[in-house]
Protein backbone atom coordinates (compact mmCIF):
# COMPACT_ATOMS: atom_id res chain seq x y z
CA MET A 1 -27.63 83.38 9.15
CA ARG A 2 -29.55 86.49 10.01
CA ILE A 3 -27.26 89.64 9.42
CA VAL A 4 -28.48 92.95 10.90
CA ILE A 5 -26.80 96.15 9.56
CA ALA A 6 -27.77 99.16 11.65
CA THR A 7 -27.70 102.72 10.04
CA MET A 8 -27.79 105.86 11.74
CA SER A 9 -30.83 108.01 11.49
CA ASN A 10 -30.77 110.15 8.34
CA GLY A 11 -32.91 112.69 10.14
CA GLN A 12 -31.92 115.39 12.42
CA PRO A 13 -29.09 117.38 11.02
CA PRO A 14 -26.09 118.47 13.21
CA GLY A 15 -26.98 121.47 15.35
CA LEU A 16 -30.80 121.11 15.13
CA SER A 17 -32.57 121.55 18.43
CA THR A 18 -33.19 118.25 20.38
CA SER A 19 -36.08 119.82 22.48
CA ASN A 20 -39.06 117.43 22.31
CA PRO A 21 -42.28 119.45 23.31
CA LEU A 22 -45.53 117.50 23.74
CA PRO A 23 -46.92 117.02 20.28
CA ALA A 24 -50.30 118.59 19.41
CA ALA A 25 -51.10 115.36 17.67
CA ARG A 26 -49.85 112.06 16.59
CA VAL A 27 -50.79 110.81 13.02
CA VAL A 28 -50.54 107.36 11.61
CA VAL A 29 -50.63 106.57 7.87
CA LEU A 30 -50.79 103.04 6.70
CA GLY A 31 -50.56 102.12 2.94
CA ALA A 32 -48.21 101.06 0.13
CA SER A 33 -47.07 102.63 -3.32
CA ASN A 34 -49.61 105.52 -3.23
CA VAL A 35 -48.45 106.55 0.27
CA THR A 36 -44.78 106.22 -0.92
CA LEU A 37 -45.37 108.37 -4.04
CA GLY A 38 -47.50 110.88 -2.27
CA PHE A 39 -45.55 111.04 1.01
CA PRO A 40 -43.99 114.51 0.58
CA ARG A 41 -47.55 115.78 0.03
CA ILE A 42 -48.79 113.98 2.97
CA VAL A 43 -45.99 115.24 5.24
CA ALA A 44 -46.82 118.90 3.96
CA SER A 45 -50.61 118.49 4.63
CA VAL A 46 -50.16 116.87 8.00
CA ARG A 47 -47.85 119.68 9.08
CA GLY A 48 -50.42 122.30 7.67
CA LEU A 49 -53.39 120.66 9.43
CA VAL A 50 -51.82 120.19 12.94
CA PRO A 51 -51.57 123.44 14.77
CA GLY A 52 -48.41 122.58 16.65
CA PRO A 53 -45.77 120.00 16.80
CA VAL A 54 -46.91 116.63 15.04
CA GLN A 55 -45.44 113.18 15.40
CA LEU A 56 -45.98 111.21 12.02
CA PHE A 57 -45.71 107.47 11.82
CA ALA A 58 -46.02 105.92 8.55
CA ALA A 59 -45.78 102.33 7.31
CA HIS A 60 -45.73 102.16 3.37
CA GLY A 61 -43.68 101.00 0.53
CA HIS A 62 -44.08 99.84 -3.07
CA GLY A 63 -45.98 96.54 -2.95
CA ARG A 64 -46.59 96.85 0.84
CA SER A 65 -48.83 94.08 2.34
CA TYR A 66 -50.77 94.33 5.40
CA GLY A 67 -50.45 90.95 6.74
CA GLN A 68 -47.31 89.23 5.08
CA PRO A 69 -43.78 89.98 4.11
CA SER A 70 -43.62 91.76 0.74
CA SER A 71 -40.81 92.09 -1.84
CA ILE A 72 -39.75 94.21 -4.75
CA PRO A 73 -36.38 93.40 -6.40
CA PHE A 74 -33.55 93.28 -3.73
CA ARG A 75 -35.85 94.49 -0.89
CA THR A 76 -38.40 92.96 1.60
CA LEU A 77 -40.68 94.65 4.20
CA PRO A 78 -42.51 93.00 7.13
CA GLY A 79 -46.17 93.17 6.92
CA ILE A 80 -47.77 96.35 8.41
CA LEU A 81 -49.14 94.38 11.24
CA ASP A 82 -45.90 93.02 12.10
CA SER A 83 -43.89 96.20 11.83
CA GLY A 84 -42.39 98.02 14.80
CA LEU A 85 -45.04 100.89 14.53
CA TRP A 86 -47.33 99.63 17.01
CA ASP A 87 -44.64 99.22 19.76
CA ALA A 88 -43.37 102.64 18.98
CA LEU A 89 -46.83 104.32 19.46
CA ASP A 90 -47.21 102.55 22.73
CA ARG A 91 -43.73 103.58 24.11
CA LEU A 92 -44.31 107.14 23.42
CA ALA A 93 -47.78 107.04 24.75
CA ALA A 94 -46.47 105.63 27.96
CA GLU A 95 -44.10 108.44 28.44
CA ASP A 96 -46.84 111.13 28.12
CA ALA A 97 -48.50 112.64 31.14
CA SER A 98 -51.28 113.61 28.98
CA PRO A 99 -51.35 111.63 25.61
CA ALA A 100 -51.62 113.42 22.39
CA PRO A 101 -54.71 112.98 20.11
CA LEU A 102 -54.21 110.24 17.51
CA PHE A 103 -55.30 110.34 13.90
CA ALA A 104 -55.04 107.58 11.39
CA LEU A 105 -55.40 106.92 7.68
CA VAL A 106 -55.64 103.35 6.45
CA THR A 107 -55.34 103.03 2.66
CA ASP A 108 -53.81 101.11 -0.30
CA ILE A 109 -55.49 97.97 0.80
CA GLY A 110 -55.61 96.09 -2.54
CA ASN A 111 -51.96 94.96 -3.19
CA ASP A 112 -52.82 91.82 -0.99
CA LEU A 113 -55.34 90.61 -3.73
CA VAL A 114 -52.50 90.34 -6.28
CA TYR A 115 -50.57 88.12 -3.74
CA GLY A 116 -53.25 85.60 -3.74
CA ASN A 117 -55.00 86.45 -0.67
CA SER A 118 -58.76 86.16 -0.32
CA PRO A 119 -60.90 89.29 0.17
CA GLU A 120 -61.95 87.86 3.61
CA ARG A 121 -58.31 87.45 4.80
CA ILE A 122 -57.45 90.70 3.85
CA GLY A 123 -60.56 92.09 5.43
CA GLY A 124 -59.55 90.49 8.55
CA TRP A 125 -56.03 92.13 8.44
CA ILE A 126 -57.59 95.53 8.05
CA GLU A 127 -59.99 95.00 10.86
CA GLU A 128 -57.03 94.13 13.09
CA CYS A 129 -55.46 97.37 12.15
CA LEU A 130 -58.67 99.27 12.74
CA SER A 131 -58.98 97.53 16.20
CA ARG A 132 -55.50 98.34 17.15
CA LEU A 133 -55.94 101.89 16.31
CA ARG A 134 -59.33 102.22 18.03
CA ALA A 135 -57.85 100.72 21.20
CA ARG A 136 -55.23 103.62 20.97
CA GLY A 137 -58.19 105.97 20.55
CA ALA A 138 -57.43 106.89 17.13
CA ARG A 139 -59.82 109.05 14.65
CA ILE A 140 -59.70 106.83 11.80
CA THR A 141 -60.34 107.44 7.85
CA ILE A 142 -60.10 104.56 5.57
CA GLY A 143 -59.64 104.64 1.79
CA ARG A 144 -61.79 102.29 -0.21
CA MET A 145 -60.96 100.51 -3.36
CA PRO A 146 -60.57 102.37 -6.65
CA LEU A 147 -63.37 100.46 -8.30
CA ALA A 148 -64.30 102.87 -10.89
CA SER A 149 -60.83 102.91 -12.12
CA LEU A 150 -60.25 99.15 -11.97
CA GLN A 151 -63.57 98.53 -13.86
CA ARG A 152 -62.12 100.54 -16.84
CA VAL A 153 -59.26 98.05 -17.12
CA GLY A 154 -59.41 95.64 -20.11
CA ARG A 155 -57.84 92.23 -20.14
CA VAL A 156 -54.86 93.22 -22.19
CA ARG A 157 -54.06 96.24 -19.93
CA PHE A 158 -54.47 94.13 -16.82
CA GLN A 159 -52.22 91.50 -18.25
CA LEU A 160 -49.48 94.08 -19.09
CA MET A 161 -49.62 95.65 -15.69
CA ARG A 162 -49.77 92.74 -13.57
CA THR A 163 -46.62 91.40 -15.40
CA ALA A 164 -44.86 94.53 -14.99
CA ILE A 165 -45.67 95.28 -11.34
CA PHE A 166 -46.33 91.93 -9.87
CA PRO A 167 -44.83 89.44 -12.18
CA ASN A 168 -45.21 86.45 -9.84
CA SER A 169 -48.92 87.06 -9.28
CA ARG A 170 -51.39 84.56 -10.75
CA LEU A 171 -54.45 86.80 -10.30
CA THR A 172 -56.70 86.77 -13.28
CA TRP A 173 -58.75 89.56 -14.92
CA ASP A 174 -62.00 88.11 -13.86
CA GLY A 175 -60.60 87.36 -10.34
CA MET A 176 -59.47 90.88 -10.00
CA ARG A 177 -62.72 92.52 -10.86
CA ALA A 178 -64.67 90.15 -8.52
CA ASP A 179 -62.28 90.18 -5.62
CA ALA A 180 -61.99 94.02 -5.73
CA VAL A 181 -65.77 94.45 -5.41
CA ARG A 182 -65.90 91.88 -2.63
CA LEU A 183 -62.97 93.46 -0.74
CA ASP A 184 -64.58 96.98 -1.06
CA GLU A 185 -67.79 95.59 0.37
CA LEU A 186 -65.95 94.30 3.34
CA VAL A 187 -64.21 97.52 3.86
CA SER A 188 -67.45 99.27 3.70
CA GLU A 189 -68.94 97.11 6.25
CA LEU A 190 -65.93 97.64 8.68
CA ALA A 191 -66.19 101.37 8.17
CA THR A 192 -69.85 101.10 9.32
CA ARG A 193 -69.08 98.53 12.07
CA HIS A 194 -66.33 100.64 13.70
CA GLN A 195 -68.02 103.97 12.91
CA ILE A 196 -65.15 105.59 10.99
CA GLY A 197 -65.12 107.66 7.88
CA SER A 198 -64.37 106.13 4.34
CA ILE A 199 -63.31 107.95 1.25
CA VAL A 200 -64.29 106.49 -2.13
CA PRO A 201 -61.47 107.39 -4.60
CA ARG A 202 -62.70 109.83 -7.44
CA PRO A 203 -62.46 108.17 -10.91
CA GLU A 204 -60.37 111.33 -12.12
CA TRP A 205 -57.78 110.64 -9.84
CA TYR A 206 -56.37 107.70 -12.12
CA GLY A 207 -55.24 107.65 -15.59
CA ILE A 208 -53.93 104.85 -17.74
CA ASP A 209 -52.48 103.33 -14.39
CA PRO A 210 -55.65 102.16 -12.60
CA ILE A 211 -54.15 101.98 -9.08
CA HIS A 212 -51.78 104.87 -8.81
CA ILE A 213 -53.10 108.49 -8.21
CA ARG A 214 -52.04 110.80 -11.03
CA ARG A 215 -49.10 112.89 -9.98
CA LYS A 216 -50.82 116.22 -10.79
CA LEU A 217 -53.83 115.27 -8.54
CA ARG A 218 -51.96 113.93 -5.63
CA SER A 219 -52.33 117.02 -3.46
CA ALA A 220 -55.97 117.28 -4.13
CA ALA A 221 -56.36 113.61 -3.45
CA TRP A 222 -54.52 113.53 -0.19
CA ARG A 223 -56.28 116.57 0.92
CA ASP A 224 -59.65 114.91 0.49
CA MET A 225 -58.36 111.70 2.33
CA LEU A 226 -57.20 113.81 5.32
CA GLN A 227 -60.14 116.26 5.69
CA PRO A 228 -62.46 113.70 7.48
CA TRP A 229 -60.15 114.08 10.56
CA GLY A 230 -61.72 117.54 11.18
CA LEU A 231 -58.45 119.14 12.01
CA ALA A 232 -58.66 122.98 12.11
CA GLY A 233 -55.33 123.69 10.24
CA GLU A 234 -54.78 124.40 6.53
CA SER A 235 -54.75 121.28 4.49
CA ASP A 236 -53.90 123.10 1.13
CA ALA A 237 -50.24 123.17 1.90
CA ALA A 238 -47.99 123.76 -1.21
CA ALA A 239 -46.22 120.53 -2.28
CA PRO A 240 -42.65 120.32 -1.24
CA GLY A 241 -39.84 121.19 -3.47
CA LEU A 242 -37.81 118.56 -5.00
CA ALA A 243 -35.03 118.62 -2.24
CA ALA A 244 -37.57 118.33 0.49
CA SER A 245 -39.37 115.66 -1.44
CA TRP A 246 -36.16 113.73 -1.89
CA ARG A 247 -35.36 114.07 1.83
CA TYR A 248 -38.67 112.40 2.59
CA TRP A 249 -38.57 109.82 0.08
CA ARG A 250 -35.00 108.66 1.37
CA LEU A 251 -36.01 108.05 4.87
CA ARG A 252 -35.35 104.49 5.55
CA PRO A 253 -37.83 102.32 7.45
CA ALA A 254 -36.96 100.85 10.90
CA GLU A 255 -36.36 97.51 9.51
CA ARG A 256 -35.91 96.07 5.98
CA SER A 257 -34.03 93.39 4.16
CA VAL A 258 -31.87 94.21 1.32
CA PHE A 259 -30.08 91.30 -0.61
CA GLY A 260 -31.13 89.08 2.37
CA ARG A 261 -29.46 91.29 5.00
CA VAL A 262 -31.62 92.82 7.54
CA ARG A 263 -30.95 96.57 7.76
CA ALA A 264 -32.09 98.77 10.79
CA ALA A 265 -32.57 102.49 10.83
CA ALA A 266 -32.87 104.49 13.89
CA GLN A 267 -36.18 106.27 14.34
CA PRO A 268 -37.50 108.99 14.24
CA GLY A 269 -35.78 109.46 10.93
CA TRP A 270 -36.31 113.18 10.74
CA ARG A 271 -36.85 115.96 13.13
CA TRP A 272 -37.99 119.62 12.85
CA PRO A 273 -36.85 122.24 15.43
CA ASP A 274 -40.40 122.65 16.91
CA GLY A 275 -40.29 118.95 17.95
CA SER A 276 -42.18 117.47 15.24
CA ALA A 277 -40.75 114.19 13.75
CA ILE A 278 -41.32 111.19 11.45
CA TRP A 279 -41.10 107.56 12.20
CA VAL A 280 -40.95 105.14 9.10
CA TYR A 281 -41.85 101.27 9.47
């Protein structure tokens, strides 16, 4: 039996203005654990870049897949392609007399290798995301695979990390190295075919952990990721304090399954007085 538990949006506090002026821009961020860990910095950077109200749509989460449900202990999220983000974008666009410009970042694309998907299958999922975004008029940037970091990983460290982060994965060290290179080639080809900017992660962004950006370099990394949009604002926004960061980390996605029960959260999950808001999927 499918049980749905609805929760109230944990966003707009009592007494906050409900005015909703037309946004200066809409921003879509698609990813997995790096987006989750860096989300407070992403929010701050986007708010700094957009000279006016911004509507931020994010689909992310630890272990997130682009094309299939993904689970960590006790929690399951739908694939990004199957999330409600796309319908939400279309609903808001249909309400606008003059649609706001749309900017998108597609990143964290390597998780699906660990789930046993081929580079070609993952490339197809990424291309579908790019096609959907282009059909909606988005200016897109895509993050490439952190190949320089992955190539430094030895067999023992790979086995330890795979067991700790993805205990059910059967991906081998040799398979990881070959599939990562092939997937990056496909992403590069997609960027060229769709005429979109791509970002090659800097080796210094990563430490012992070869896939997660080091905490002290997250602000700089996300600044590099967002710069290709060409927005005129200031991307050097200071990282939010602990209270604000916790607020953004606590935002619940529109739909997730916890202990087998589907839980729904109203969106947007957060609003500011100027009409800016965050939707999480």
